[in-house]
């Protein structure tokens, strides 16, 4: 627990964080008796009144989260932020990967699996919600819609929190919120489910950007791209596999609510994993903890410099990409991100409910989707290999093409009216997870420094925007069949494939400061 003690040593109060964790856990446990008493009704709680113990538990969760957040708050934040503004930490180009790098990647993969599993579980809870609450699909769509709205809120909120609290502490605070939102599994009304799912989305929304920021600081430049692809891809596929696997194993016995209650042990696991995540060297330097920062930088081969010392370097290529070249590339990656959001939070999210509607049981449909996710696992390593050894640009184009092939096979499956969904869904999972694993690192490597942060943030927002649009259609009463949905989604996906192939630039092995200085033709890589 040395790493965790180091993180908590410069905060407002260690006892407050520990007390907050205990209070949130106790508040969740206060909801479990009602869930257990509903065993005779196959754990259906719709319409049951919340007793005083549950209300007190909700109070403990809110109070515990606030107390934990206070306990993690650093002292003298204003001075820290002022100092951090002039610090840049990065590993040299030629630094080698060591045990510390591989260990960090392994821990962050587990953290992302836990993080991704939360929104991935939405699709597997929808059939049970429709049945238990007796509401139409468009009403239940409010649950994923507000969960996605929460991720958008979280993406903005956690960027600020990470700057104030530090990368590691923000992950710990996110984990505490995960634990609290597990009471979604004991809420007797749909309205409470919607509120809790918004909180779950807000807790999950910032994990990926925080993880990427921590990796970008610790990983050597030449290994940064493929490591981001590998960690992001394994986290995404692993999260979907964990959600579908738990659904196949537990939902036939305990009903859909157990998938939310699983946030209790997984959230506590994420808190414990915090002991294995190193504190950000930039945060330590800003806090004046120079010896600890130097120890972290030695482990990861990183160095620190001032912003003023690198200002002249940043001016190189700052205005190199302008006009149609900039906006063409931004449009290509934005449409790619929107397509991913439409497929992941539209087609794939509703797929379990569509399979149940076709006559599959919840257990069988979850097992089929778990098999598809299992097939997708090895392809994450292939995507990282293609990104690092072949071409960053064409690796993304390949993943878009695989997604397009998956949509085509889903359309064929719907038109045929029979057949196994394993291969079509496997292709969709392979393609979409490859897209999301590559598109953000590739975006960060594709734009000049002047607009890099804004461009990456915009493309990340487009991934959520596609999902919000898909759920908005369902809420408005526009219910599309799986075949028609896949057919319509092929249009933006095909457009993104063509645009990325035309406007994309090769980034592998190139100095990002000079990436767009040359006057080569747009379509050449």
Protein backbone atom coordinates (compact mmCIF):
# COMPACT_ATOMS: atom_id res chain seq x y z
CA UNK A 1 0.00 0.00 0.00
CA UNK A 2 3.04 2.29 -0.22
CA UNK A 3 1.84 3.86 -3.46
CA UNK A 4 -1.57 4.64 -1.99
CA UNK A 5 -0.04 6.08 1.16
CA UNK A 6 2.15 8.35 -1.00
CA UNK A 7 -0.91 9.56 -2.86
CA UNK A 8 -2.82 10.32 0.33
CA UNK A 9 0.09 11.90 2.20
CA UNK A 10 -0.36 15.38 0.70
CA UNK A 11 -4.15 15.61 0.87
CA UNK A 12 -6.58 17.31 3.20
CA UNK A 13 -7.21 14.22 5.33
CA UNK A 14 -6.42 10.54 4.86
CA UNK A 15 -9.08 9.61 7.39
CA UNK A 16 -11.72 11.46 5.36
CA UNK A 17 -11.03 9.41 2.23
CA UNK A 18 -11.12 6.13 4.17
CA UNK A 19 -14.28 7.18 6.04
CA UNK A 20 -15.91 8.21 2.77
CA UNK A 21 -15.16 4.81 1.19
CA UNK A 22 -16.60 3.01 4.22
CA UNK A 23 -19.74 5.20 4.21
CA UNK A 24 -20.38 4.64 0.48
CA UNK A 25 -19.90 0.88 0.86
CA UNK A 26 -22.23 0.79 3.87
CA UNK A 27 -24.82 2.81 1.97
CA UNK A 28 -24.78 0.30 -0.89
CA UNK A 29 -25.02 -2.64 1.52
CA UNK A 30 -28.12 -1.04 3.06
CA UNK A 31 -29.92 -1.68 -0.26
CA UNK A 32 -29.08 -5.38 -0.45
CA UNK A 33 -31.74 -6.70 2.01
CA UNK A 34 -34.60 -5.47 -0.22
CA UNK A 35 -32.95 -7.12 -3.22
CA UNK A 36 -32.58 -10.38 -1.29
CA UNK A 37 -36.22 -10.29 -0.09
CA UNK A 38 -37.39 -10.13 -3.72
CA UNK A 39 -36.00 -13.60 -4.46
CA UNK A 40 -39.46 -15.17 -4.66
CA UNK A 41 -40.37 -12.63 -7.39
CA UNK A 42 -37.19 -13.32 -9.37
CA UNK A 43 -35.67 -10.17 -7.90
CA UNK A 44 -38.23 -7.79 -9.36
CA UNK A 45 -38.67 -4.66 -7.23
CA UNK A 46 -40.86 -2.44 -9.42
CA UNK A 47 -43.37 -0.47 -7.34
CA UNK A 48 -42.00 -1.50 -3.96
CA UNK A 49 -41.64 1.40 -1.48
CA UNK A 50 -38.13 2.30 -0.28
CA UNK A 51 -37.77 1.70 3.44
CA UNK A 52 -35.94 3.93 5.91
CA UNK A 53 -32.79 1.80 5.78
CA UNK A 54 -32.52 2.33 2.01
CA UNK A 55 -33.12 6.08 2.36
CA UNK A 56 -30.45 6.27 5.04
CA UNK A 57 -28.15 4.30 2.73
CA UNK A 58 -28.64 6.84 -0.05
CA UNK A 59 -27.73 9.59 2.39
CA UNK A 60 -24.57 7.70 3.35
CA UNK A 61 -23.58 7.37 -0.33
CA UNK A 62 -23.97 11.09 -1.03
CA UNK A 63 -22.22 12.13 2.17
CA UNK A 64 -19.48 9.50 1.75
CA UNK A 65 -18.68 10.65 -1.79
CA UNK A 66 -18.39 14.28 -0.63
CA UNK A 67 -16.19 13.32 2.33
CA UNK A 68 -13.95 11.12 0.15
CA UNK A 69 -13.61 13.95 -2.39
CA UNK A 70 -12.62 16.32 0.41
CA UNK A 71 -10.10 13.83 1.78
CA UNK A 72 -8.39 13.52 -1.64
CA UNK A 73 -8.29 17.29 -2.27
CA UNK A 74 -4.67 18.53 -2.25
CA UNK A 75 -3.65 21.35 0.02
CA UNK A 76 -2.94 24.78 -1.50
CA UNK A 77 -4.44 23.98 -4.91
CA UNK A 78 -3.86 27.49 -6.34
CA UNK A 79 -0.08 27.27 -5.94
CA UNK A 80 -0.06 23.75 -7.37
CA UNK A 81 -1.95 24.75 -10.53
CA UNK A 82 0.28 27.77 -11.07
CA UNK A 83 3.40 25.60 -10.81
CA UNK A 84 1.96 22.85 -13.05
CA UNK A 85 1.33 25.32 -15.88
CA UNK A 86 5.09 25.58 -16.54
CA UNK A 87 5.96 21.85 -16.28
CA UNK A 88 6.16 19.33 -19.12
CA UNK A 89 6.96 15.67 -18.36
CA UNK A 90 7.68 13.22 -21.17
CA UNK A 91 9.84 10.21 -21.87
CA UNK A 92 12.61 10.61 -24.49
CA UNK A 93 12.09 9.24 -27.98
CA UNK A 94 14.66 6.45 -27.60
CA UNK A 95 13.76 5.30 -24.05
CA UNK A 96 13.28 1.56 -23.68
CA UNK A 97 10.24 -0.17 -22.23
CA UNK A 98 10.87 -1.67 -18.81
CA UNK A 99 8.90 -3.61 -16.19
CA UNK A 100 7.40 -0.36 -14.87
CA UNK A 101 5.88 0.45 -18.28
CA UNK A 102 4.41 -3.02 -18.76
CA UNK A 103 3.10 -3.06 -15.19
CA UNK A 104 1.39 0.32 -15.67
CA UNK A 105 -0.19 -0.86 -18.92
CA UNK A 106 -1.50 -4.03 -17.23
CA UNK A 107 -3.03 -2.13 -14.31
CA UNK A 108 -4.65 0.46 -16.60
CA UNK A 109 -6.11 -2.29 -18.81
CA UNK A 110 -7.83 -3.79 -15.75
CA UNK A 111 -9.02 -0.33 -14.71
CA UNK A 112 -10.47 0.32 -18.19
CA UNK A 113 -12.16 -3.10 -18.29
CA UNK A 114 -13.97 -2.21 -15.05
CA UNK A 115 -14.77 1.25 -16.44
CA UNK A 116 -16.07 0.07 -19.84
CA UNK A 117 -18.07 -2.75 -18.26
CA UNK A 118 -20.46 -0.24 -16.69
CA UNK A 119 -21.92 1.35 -19.86
CA UNK A 120 -21.54 -1.96 -21.73
CA UNK A 121 -23.94 -3.55 -19.22
CA UNK A 122 -26.72 -1.17 -20.32
CA UNK A 123 -27.66 -3.29 -23.33
CA UNK A 124 -27.95 -6.44 -21.23
CA UNK A 125 -30.26 -4.79 -18.68
CA UNK A 126 -32.69 -3.32 -21.24
CA UNK A 127 -34.78 -6.49 -21.86
CA UNK A 128 -35.31 -6.95 -18.12
CA UNK A 129 -36.25 -3.30 -17.62
CA UNK A 130 -38.83 -3.44 -20.43
CA UNK A 131 -40.40 -6.55 -18.88
CA UNK A 132 -40.31 -5.49 -15.22
CA UNK A 133 -41.44 -1.89 -15.61
CA UNK A 134 -43.93 -2.67 -18.40
CA UNK A 135 -42.83 0.28 -20.53
CA UNK A 136 -42.05 0.52 -24.26
CA UNK A 137 -38.57 0.55 -25.73
CA UNK A 138 -38.63 4.30 -26.32
CA UNK A 139 -39.18 4.94 -22.59
CA UNK A 140 -36.35 2.62 -21.54
CA UNK A 141 -34.14 4.49 -24.04
CA UNK A 142 -34.02 7.29 -21.46
CA UNK A 143 -31.66 5.08 -19.41
CA UNK A 144 -28.83 4.85 -22.00
CA UNK A 145 -29.54 8.41 -23.15
CA UNK A 146 -28.91 9.86 -19.69
CA UNK A 147 -25.98 7.50 -19.14
CA UNK A 148 -24.38 8.88 -22.31
CA UNK A 149 -25.23 12.43 -21.24
CA UNK A 150 -23.41 11.61 -18.01
CA UNK A 151 -20.31 10.49 -19.93
CA UNK A 152 -20.30 13.79 -21.82
CA UNK A 153 -20.52 15.65 -18.51
CA UNK A 154 -17.84 13.41 -17.03
CA UNK A 155 -15.46 13.96 -19.95
CA UNK A 156 -15.44 17.70 -19.18
CA UNK A 157 -15.57 17.36 -15.40
CA UNK A 158 -12.81 14.78 -14.99
CA UNK A 159 -10.39 16.78 -17.12
CA UNK A 160 -10.62 19.54 -14.51
CA UNK A 161 -10.60 17.08 -11.59
CA UNK A 162 -7.44 15.36 -12.91
CA UNK A 163 -5.65 18.72 -13.07
CA UNK A 164 -6.62 19.55 -9.48
CA UNK A 165 -6.46 16.13 -7.81
CA UNK A 166 -3.80 14.46 -9.96
CA UNK A 167 -4.27 11.51 -12.32
CA UNK A 168 -4.14 8.81 -9.68
CA UNK A 169 -6.45 10.47 -7.16
CA UNK A 170 -9.04 11.17 -9.88
CA UNK A 171 -9.14 7.44 -10.69
CA UNK A 172 -9.68 6.68 -6.98
CA UNK A 173 -12.53 9.20 -6.75
CA UNK A 174 -14.11 7.75 -9.90
CA UNK A 175 -13.95 4.29 -8.30
CA UNK A 176 -15.75 5.53 -5.18
CA UNK A 177 -18.54 6.89 -7.39
CA UNK A 178 -18.72 3.53 -9.20
CA UNK A 179 -19.36 1.83 -5.87
CA UNK A 180 -22.15 4.28 -5.06
CA UNK A 181 -23.95 3.88 -8.39
CA UNK A 182 -24.29 0.12 -7.86
CA UNK A 183 -27.55 0.88 -5.96
CA UNK A 184 -29.10 1.24 -9.43
CA UNK A 185 -29.69 -2.51 -9.07
CA UNK A 186 -32.00 -1.94 -6.10
CA UNK A 187 -33.99 1.05 -7.34
CA UNK A 188 -37.75 0.28 -7.45
CA UNK A 189 -38.62 2.85 -10.14
CA UNK A 190 -37.35 3.61 -13.64
CA UNK A 191 -36.82 7.28 -12.71
CA UNK A 192 -34.30 6.30 -10.05
CA UNK A 193 -32.54 4.01 -12.55
CA UNK A 194 -32.23 6.93 -14.95
CA UNK A 195 -30.76 9.19 -12.26
CA UNK A 196 -28.26 6.55 -11.11
CA UNK A 197 -27.22 5.81 -14.72
CA UNK A 198 -26.47 9.48 -15.25
CA UNK A 199 -24.18 9.37 -12.21
CA UNK A 200 -22.58 6.16 -13.49
CA UNK A 201 -21.89 7.83 -16.85
CA UNK A 202 -20.42 10.88 -15.12
CA UNK A 203 -18.07 8.63 -13.14
CA UNK A 204 -17.05 6.64 -16.23
CA UNK A 205 -16.75 9.51 -18.70
CA UNK A 206 -13.34 10.73 -17.64
CA UNK A 207 -11.53 7.43 -17.10
CA UNK A 208 -10.33 7.01 -20.70
CA UNK A 209 -8.94 10.58 -21.06
CA UNK A 210 -7.24 10.34 -17.64
CA UNK A 211 -5.74 6.96 -18.58
CA UNK A 212 -4.49 8.29 -21.91
CA UNK A 213 -3.00 11.36 -20.20
CA UNK A 214 -1.15 9.19 -17.67
CA UNK A 215 0.19 6.88 -20.40
CA UNK A 216 1.23 9.82 -22.59
CA UNK A 217 3.32 11.18 -19.70
CA UNK A 218 4.97 7.86 -18.86
CA UNK A 219 5.47 6.10 -22.22
CA UNK A 220 8.44 6.80 -24.56
CA UNK A 221 7.41 8.69 -27.69
CA UNK A 222 8.06 5.87 -30.14
CA UNK A 223 5.96 3.43 -28.05
CA UNK A 224 3.17 5.85 -27.16
CA UNK A 225 0.86 5.30 -30.13
CA UNK A 226 0.67 1.51 -30.07
CA UNK A 227 0.53 1.38 -26.25
CA UNK A 228 -2.51 3.68 -26.28
CA UNK A 229 -4.11 1.51 -28.96
CA UNK A 230 -3.36 -1.69 -27.03
CA UNK A 231 -4.55 -0.44 -23.62
CA UNK A 232 -7.67 1.22 -25.05
CA UNK A 233 -8.54 -1.77 -27.23
CA UNK A 234 -8.06 -4.39 -24.51
CA UNK A 235 -10.05 -2.27 -22.09
CA UNK A 236 -12.93 -1.88 -24.55
CA UNK A 237 -13.11 -5.53 -25.64
CA UNK A 238 -12.50 -6.75 -22.08
CA UNK A 239 -15.26 -4.53 -20.72
CA UNK A 240 -17.78 -5.82 -23.26
CA UNK A 241 -16.70 -9.42 -22.60
CA UNK A 242 -17.01 -8.91 -18.83
CA UNK A 243 -20.49 -7.40 -19.21
CA UNK A 244 -21.75 -10.14 -21.54
CA UNK A 245 -20.07 -12.89 -19.53
CA UNK A 246 -21.57 -11.72 -16.23
CA UNK A 247 -24.95 -11.40 -17.95
CA UNK A 248 -24.74 -14.97 -19.28
CA UNK A 249 -23.72 -16.36 -15.88
CA UNK A 250 -25.74 -14.30 -13.40
CA UNK A 251 -28.76 -12.75 -15.12
CA UNK A 252 -30.69 -16.05 -15.61
CA UNK A 253 -30.41 -16.59 -11.82
CA UNK A 254 -30.60 -13.10 -10.28
CA UNK A 255 -32.23 -11.04 -13.01
CA UNK A 256 -30.95 -7.89 -14.72
CA UNK A 257 -30.37 -5.96 -11.50
CA UNK A 258 -27.33 -8.05 -10.56
CA UNK A 259 -25.34 -6.37 -13.36
CA UNK A 260 -25.60 -3.05 -11.52
CA UNK A 261 -24.95 -4.52 -8.09
CA UNK A 262 -21.71 -5.95 -9.52
CA UNK A 263 -20.39 -2.36 -9.43
CA UNK A 264 -19.84 -2.84 -5.68
CA UNK A 265 -17.03 -5.44 -5.84
CA UNK A 266 -15.58 -4.12 -9.11
CA UNK A 267 -15.53 -0.54 -7.82
CA UNK A 268 -13.78 -1.60 -4.61
CA UNK A 269 -11.30 -3.55 -6.75
CA UNK A 270 -10.56 -0.35 -8.64
CA UNK A 271 -9.91 1.48 -5.35
CA UNK A 272 -7.40 -1.21 -4.35
CA UNK A 273 -5.76 -1.06 -7.79
CA UNK A 274 -4.92 2.55 -7.01
CA UNK A 275 -2.04 1.27 -4.89
CA UNK A 276 -0.39 -0.03 -8.08
CA UNK A 277 -0.83 3.14 -10.17
CA UNK A 278 2.10 5.57 -9.91
CA UNK A 279 1.44 9.18 -9.02
CA UNK A 280 1.87 11.61 -11.90
CA UNK A 281 5.41 13.08 -11.91
CA UNK A 282 4.02 16.40 -13.11
CA UNK A 283 1.63 16.50 -10.12
CA UNK A 284 4.46 15.67 -7.71
CA UNK A 285 6.70 18.40 -9.13
CA UNK A 286 3.90 20.93 -8.90
CA UNK A 287 3.45 19.94 -5.26
CA UNK A 288 7.17 20.45 -4.58
CA UNK A 289 7.73 16.72 -3.94
CA UNK A 290 10.86 16.67 -6.11
CA UNK A 291 12.48 13.49 -4.76
CA UNK A 292 9.32 11.44 -5.29
CA UNK A 293 8.91 12.89 -8.78
CA UNK A 294 12.49 12.04 -9.68
CA UNK A 295 11.97 8.48 -8.44
CA UNK A 296 8.90 8.09 -10.66
CA UNK A 297 10.72 9.58 -13.67
CA UNK A 298 13.68 7.23 -13.14
CA UNK A 299 11.36 4.23 -13.16
CA UNK A 300 9.77 5.31 -16.44
CA UNK A 301 12.75 6.99 -18.08
CA UNK A 302 10.95 10.33 -18.24
CA UNK A 303 12.33 13.85 -17.99
CA UNK A 304 10.85 17.20 -16.97
CA UNK A 305 11.19 20.55 -18.71
CA UNK A 306 9.54 23.95 -18.56
CA UNK A 307 6.93 25.22 -20.97
CA UNK A 308 9.01 28.33 -21.70
CA UNK A 309 11.98 26.16 -22.69
CA UNK A 310 9.87 24.29 -25.24
CA UNK A 311 7.92 27.27 -26.54
CA UNK A 312 10.22 27.74 -29.53
CA UNK A 313 9.84 24.08 -30.42
CA UNK A 314 6.05 24.31 -30.26
CA UNK A 315 6.07 27.13 -32.79
CA UNK A 316 7.41 24.74 -35.41
CA UNK A 317 4.43 23.47 -37.35
CA UNK A 318 1.97 25.42 -35.18
CA UNK A 319 0.30 26.91 -38.24
CA UNK A 320 1.39 24.32 -40.80
CA UNK A 321 -1.98 22.64 -41.34
CA UNK A 322 -4.62 25.12 -42.44
CA UNK A 323 -7.65 25.49 -44.73
CA UNK A 324 -9.15 22.48 -46.53
CA UNK A 325 -6.39 20.15 -45.32
CA UNK A 326 -7.17 20.80 -41.67
CA UNK A 327 -10.94 20.79 -42.01
CA UNK A 328 -10.92 17.80 -44.36
CA UNK A 329 -8.95 15.73 -41.87
CA UNK A 330 -11.10 16.94 -38.97
CA UNK A 331 -14.29 16.11 -40.89
CA UNK A 332 -12.97 12.63 -41.75
CA UNK A 333 -12.13 11.78 -38.13
CA UNK A 334 -15.33 13.40 -36.81
CA UNK A 335 -17.51 11.27 -39.10
CA UNK A 336 -15.49 8.22 -38.08
CA UNK A 337 -16.16 9.03 -34.39
CA UNK A 338 -19.86 9.68 -35.03
CA UNK A 339 -20.15 6.35 -36.87
CA UNK A 340 -18.56 4.58 -33.92
CA UNK A 341 -21.01 6.22 -31.51
CA UNK A 342 -24.00 5.29 -33.67
CA UNK A 343 -22.92 1.63 -33.89
CA UNK A 344 -21.67 1.14 -30.35
CA UNK A 345 -24.46 2.99 -28.52
CA UNK A 346 -27.13 2.24 -31.10
CA UNK A 347 -26.88 -1.12 -32.82
CA UNK A 348 -24.65 -2.97 -30.32
CA UNK A 349 -26.42 -1.54 -27.27
CA UNK A 350 -29.83 -2.72 -28.47
CA UNK A 351 -28.54 -6.02 -29.84
CA UNK A 352 -29.28 -8.08 -26.69
CA UNK A 353 -32.89 -6.82 -26.69
CA UNK A 354 -33.23 -7.56 -30.43
CA UNK A 355 -31.94 -11.12 -29.93
CA UNK A 356 -34.39 -11.66 -27.06
CA UNK A 357 -37.19 -10.35 -29.28
CA UNK A 358 -36.18 -12.94 -31.90
CA UNK A 359 -36.74 -15.75 -29.39
CA UNK A 360 -33.33 -16.18 -27.77
CA UNK A 361 -33.27 -16.33 -23.98
CA UNK A 362 -31.30 -13.70 -22.07
CA UNK A 363 -28.70 -16.29 -21.12
CA UNK A 364 -28.26 -17.58 -24.67
CA UNK A 365 -28.07 -14.10 -26.25
CA UNK A 366 -25.53 -12.99 -23.63
CA UNK A 367 -23.47 -16.13 -24.26
CA UNK A 368 -23.47 -15.53 -28.02
CA UNK A 369 -22.28 -11.95 -27.53
CA UNK A 370 -19.63 -13.10 -25.03
CA UNK A 371 -18.34 -15.56 -27.64
CA UNK A 372 -18.17 -12.72 -30.16
CA UNK A 373 -16.18 -10.57 -27.72
CA UNK A 374 -13.83 -13.50 -27.01
CA UNK A 375 -13.11 -13.81 -30.74
CA UNK A 376 -12.29 -10.10 -30.81
CA UNK A 377 -9.57 -10.29 -28.12
CA UNK A 378 -6.61 -11.34 -30.32
CA UNK A 379 -7.43 -8.68 -32.89
CA UNK A 380 -6.58 -5.92 -30.41
CA UNK A 381 -2.95 -7.06 -30.48
CA UNK A 382 -3.10 -7.16 -34.28
CA UNK A 383 -4.46 -3.58 -34.34
CA UNK A 384 -1.62 -2.38 -32.07
CA UNK A 385 0.92 -4.23 -34.25
CA UNK A 386 -0.49 -2.72 -37.45
CA UNK A 387 -0.49 0.74 -35.87
CA UNK A 388 3.14 0.54 -34.74
CA UNK A 389 4.76 -1.58 -37.48
CA UNK A 390 2.73 -0.94 -40.62
CA UNK A 391 0.76 2.31 -40.76
CA UNK A 392 -1.23 4.39 -38.28
CA UNK A 393 -3.49 5.73 -41.02
CA UNK A 394 -4.16 2.44 -42.80
CA UNK A 395 -4.65 0.58 -39.51
CA UNK A 396 -7.59 2.92 -38.84
CA UNK A 397 -8.89 2.45 -42.40
CA UNK A 398 -8.68 -1.34 -41.91
CA UNK A 399 -10.74 -1.19 -38.71
CA UNK A 400 -13.38 0.95 -40.43
CA UNK A 401 -13.49 -1.61 -43.26
CA UNK A 402 -13.98 -4.48 -40.77
CA UNK A 403 -16.82 -2.53 -39.14
CA UNK A 404 -18.40 -2.00 -42.55
CA UNK A 405 -18.14 -5.75 -43.24
CA UNK A 406 -19.82 -6.48 -39.88
CA UNK A 407 -22.69 -4.13 -40.70
CA UNK A 408 -23.10 -5.83 -44.09
CA UNK A 409 -23.25 -9.28 -42.46
CA UNK A 410 -25.78 -8.05 -39.87
CA UNK A 411 -27.93 -6.76 -42.74
CA UNK A 412 -27.57 -10.10 -44.53
CA UNK A 413 -28.49 -11.96 -41.33
CA UNK A 414 -31.63 -9.86 -40.93
CA UNK A 415 -32.67 -10.34 -44.56
CA UNK A 416 -32.09 -14.10 -44.38
CA UNK A 417 -34.11 -14.36 -41.17
CA UNK A 418 -31.89 -17.09 -39.71
CA UNK A 419 -28.29 -17.90 -38.90
CA UNK A 420 -25.83 -17.35 -36.07
CA UNK A 421 -25.02 -13.76 -35.08
CA UNK A 422 -21.58 -14.70 -33.69
CA UNK A 423 -19.47 -13.85 -36.78
CA UNK A 424 -21.29 -10.60 -37.70
CA UNK A 425 -21.18 -9.38 -34.11
CA UNK A 426 -17.54 -10.46 -33.75
CA UNK A 427 -16.64 -8.38 -36.80
CA UNK A 428 -18.54 -5.41 -35.36
CA UNK A 429 -16.80 -5.74 -32.00
CA UNK A 430 -13.40 -6.14 -33.69
CA UNK A 431 -13.97 -3.18 -35.99
CA UNK A 432 -15.58 -0.77 -33.53
CA UNK A 433 -13.11 -1.49 -30.74
CA UNK A 434 -10.26 -1.09 -33.21
CA UNK A 435 -11.77 2.23 -34.33
CA UNK A 436 -12.13 3.66 -30.84
CA UNK A 437 -8.69 2.36 -29.80
CA UNK A 438 -7.00 4.03 -32.79
CA UNK A 439 -9.03 7.15 -33.63
CA UNK A 440 -8.15 9.21 -30.53
CA UNK A 441 -4.38 8.45 -30.51
CA UNK A 442 -4.31 8.99 -34.28
CA UNK A 443 -6.16 12.30 -33.91
CA UNK A 444 -3.69 13.46 -31.26
CA UNK A 445 -0.83 12.60 -33.63
CA UNK A 446 -2.44 14.17 -36.71
CA UNK A 447 -2.86 17.84 -35.80
CA UNK A 448 -0.37 20.64 -35.10
CA UNK A 449 0.17 21.70 -31.52
CA UNK A 450 -1.91 24.86 -31.86
CA UNK A 451 -5.14 22.90 -32.40
CA UNK A 452 -4.21 19.40 -31.18
CA UNK A 453 -6.06 19.56 -27.85
CA UNK A 454 -9.20 21.08 -29.35
CA UNK A 455 -9.26 18.65 -32.27
CA UNK A 456 -8.84 15.59 -30.02
CA UNK A 457 -11.51 16.87 -27.63
CA UNK A 458 -13.91 17.49 -30.50
CA UNK A 459 -13.42 14.00 -31.98
CA UNK A 460 -13.87 12.47 -28.50
CA UNK A 461 -17.12 14.43 -28.13
CA UNK A 462 -18.30 13.10 -31.51
CA UNK A 463 -18.07 9.53 -30.20
CA UNK A 464 -20.63 10.45 -27.53
CA UNK A 465 -22.66 12.57 -29.95
CA UNK A 466 -23.32 9.59 -32.22
CA UNK A 467 -24.68 7.63 -29.27
CA UNK A 468 -26.88 10.48 -28.07
CA UNK A 469 -28.32 10.84 -31.57
CA UNK A 470 -29.08 7.11 -31.77
CA UNK A 471 -30.86 7.09 -28.41
CA UNK A 472 -32.65 10.34 -29.24
CA UNK A 473 -34.23 8.66 -32.28
CA UNK A 474 -35.50 5.81 -30.11
CA UNK A 475 -36.85 8.19 -27.46
CA UNK A 476 -38.74 10.09 -30.15
CA UNK A 477 -40.49 6.85 -31.12
CA UNK A 478 -38.47 6.06 -34.26
CA UNK A 479 -37.78 2.36 -33.74
CA UNK A 480 -35.69 0.86 -36.54
CA UNK A 481 -35.15 -2.84 -37.15
CA UNK A 482 -31.67 -4.27 -36.75
CA UNK A 483 -31.36 -4.70 -40.53
CA UNK A 484 -32.49 -1.16 -41.36
CA UNK A 485 -30.27 0.29 -38.64
CA UNK A 486 -27.21 -1.53 -39.97
CA UNK A 487 -28.05 -0.44 -43.53
CA UNK A 488 -28.33 3.22 -42.56
CA UNK A 489 -25.16 3.10 -40.43
CA UNK A 490 -23.23 1.80 -43.40
CA UNK A 491 -23.55 5.21 -45.07
CA UNK A 492 -21.53 7.33 -42.56
CA UNK A 493 -19.15 4.41 -41.98
CA UNK A 494 -18.39 4.13 -45.70
CA UNK A 495 -18.03 7.92 -45.90
CA UNK A 496 -15.52 7.91 -43.03
CA UNK A 497 -13.53 5.14 -44.72
CA UNK A 498 -13.21 7.15 -47.94
CA UNK A 499 -12.46 10.45 -46.17
CA UNK A 500 -9.83 9.00 -43.80
CA UNK A 501 -8.16 7.23 -46.74
CA UNK A 502 -8.06 10.52 -48.67
CA UNK A 503 -7.38 13.18 -46.04
CA UNK A 504 -5.48 11.09 -43.48
CA UNK A 505 -1.72 11.50 -43.16
CA UNK A 506 0.77 8.91 -42.06
CA UNK A 507 2.06 9.59 -38.52
CA UNK A 508 4.10 6.44 -37.80
CA UNK A 509 7.76 7.25 -37.32
CA UNK A 510 7.36 10.97 -38.00
CA UNK A 511 8.20 13.96 -35.82
CA UNK A 512 4.83 15.45 -34.94
CA UNK A 513 6.31 18.95 -34.84
CA UNK A 514 7.05 18.73 -38.56
CA UNK A 515 4.18 16.45 -39.56
CA UNK A 516 2.31 18.96 -41.68
CA UNK A 517 5.15 21.23 -42.74
CA UNK A 518 5.78 19.44 -46.03
CA UNK A 519 3.73 20.26 -49.07
CA UNK A 520 3.01 16.69 -50.10
CA UNK A 521 -0.35 15.83 -51.58
CA UNK A 522 -3.16 15.07 -49.16
CA UNK A 523 -3.87 11.57 -50.36
CA UNK A 524 -0.25 10.45 -50.15
CA UNK A 525 0.95 8.67 -47.03
